[in-house]
Amino acid sequence: HAGIYIGDNKFLHASKSKGVMISDMDLDYWKDRYWQARRVL
């Protein structure tokens, strides 16, 4: 799964079941699953 950080601790991502969505990285669900970030120039 991949997403794009959009600021204010939120990121844009998509799933097959819910489509494109914006989620808060402070949610326990994402705190347990976040692995790493990369910067693309």
Protein backbone atom coordinates (compact mmCIF):
# COMPACT_ATOMS: atom_id res chain seq x y z
CA HIS A 1 0.00 0.00 0.00
CA ALA A 2 1.30 3.46 -0.81
CA GLY A 3 0.09 6.97 -0.13
CA ILE A 4 1.04 10.61 -0.65
CA TYR A 5 1.57 12.86 2.37
CA ILE A 6 -0.47 16.05 1.91
CA GLY A 7 0.42 17.88 5.12
CA ASP A 8 -1.22 18.40 8.51
CA ASN A 9 -0.48 14.73 9.34
CA LYS A 10 -2.82 13.52 6.58
CA PHE A 11 -2.18 11.38 3.52
CA LEU A 12 -3.98 10.50 0.29
CA HIS A 13 -4.34 6.84 -0.63
CA ALA A 14 -6.70 4.43 -2.38
CA SER A 15 -8.22 1.06 -1.62
CA LYS A 16 -10.25 -1.30 -3.77
CA SER A 17 -13.18 -1.23 -1.36
CA LYS A 18 -13.34 2.51 -0.51
CA GLY A 19 -11.65 4.21 -3.47
CA VAL A 20 -9.53 7.34 -3.03
CA MET A 21 -9.55 8.75 0.48
CA ILE A 22 -7.70 11.05 2.89
CA SER A 23 -6.71 9.55 6.24
CA ASP A 24 -5.18 10.92 9.42
CA MET A 25 -1.86 9.34 10.38
CA ASP A 26 -2.72 9.83 14.07
CA LEU A 27 -5.32 7.05 13.92
CA ASP A 28 -4.25 3.93 15.82
CA TYR A 29 -4.86 1.86 12.67
CA TRP A 30 -2.14 3.74 10.76
CA LYS A 31 0.20 4.14 13.75
CA ASP A 32 0.43 0.35 13.92
CA ARG A 33 0.99 -0.03 10.16
CA TYR A 34 3.18 2.92 9.09
CA TRP A 35 6.58 1.69 7.98
CA GLN A 36 8.60 4.35 6.17
CA ALA A 37 8.53 7.38 3.91
CA ARG A 38 10.48 8.37 0.82
CA ARG A 39 10.90 11.75 -0.76
CA VAL A 40 10.50 11.92 -4.53
CA LEU A 41 12.03 14.89 -6.27
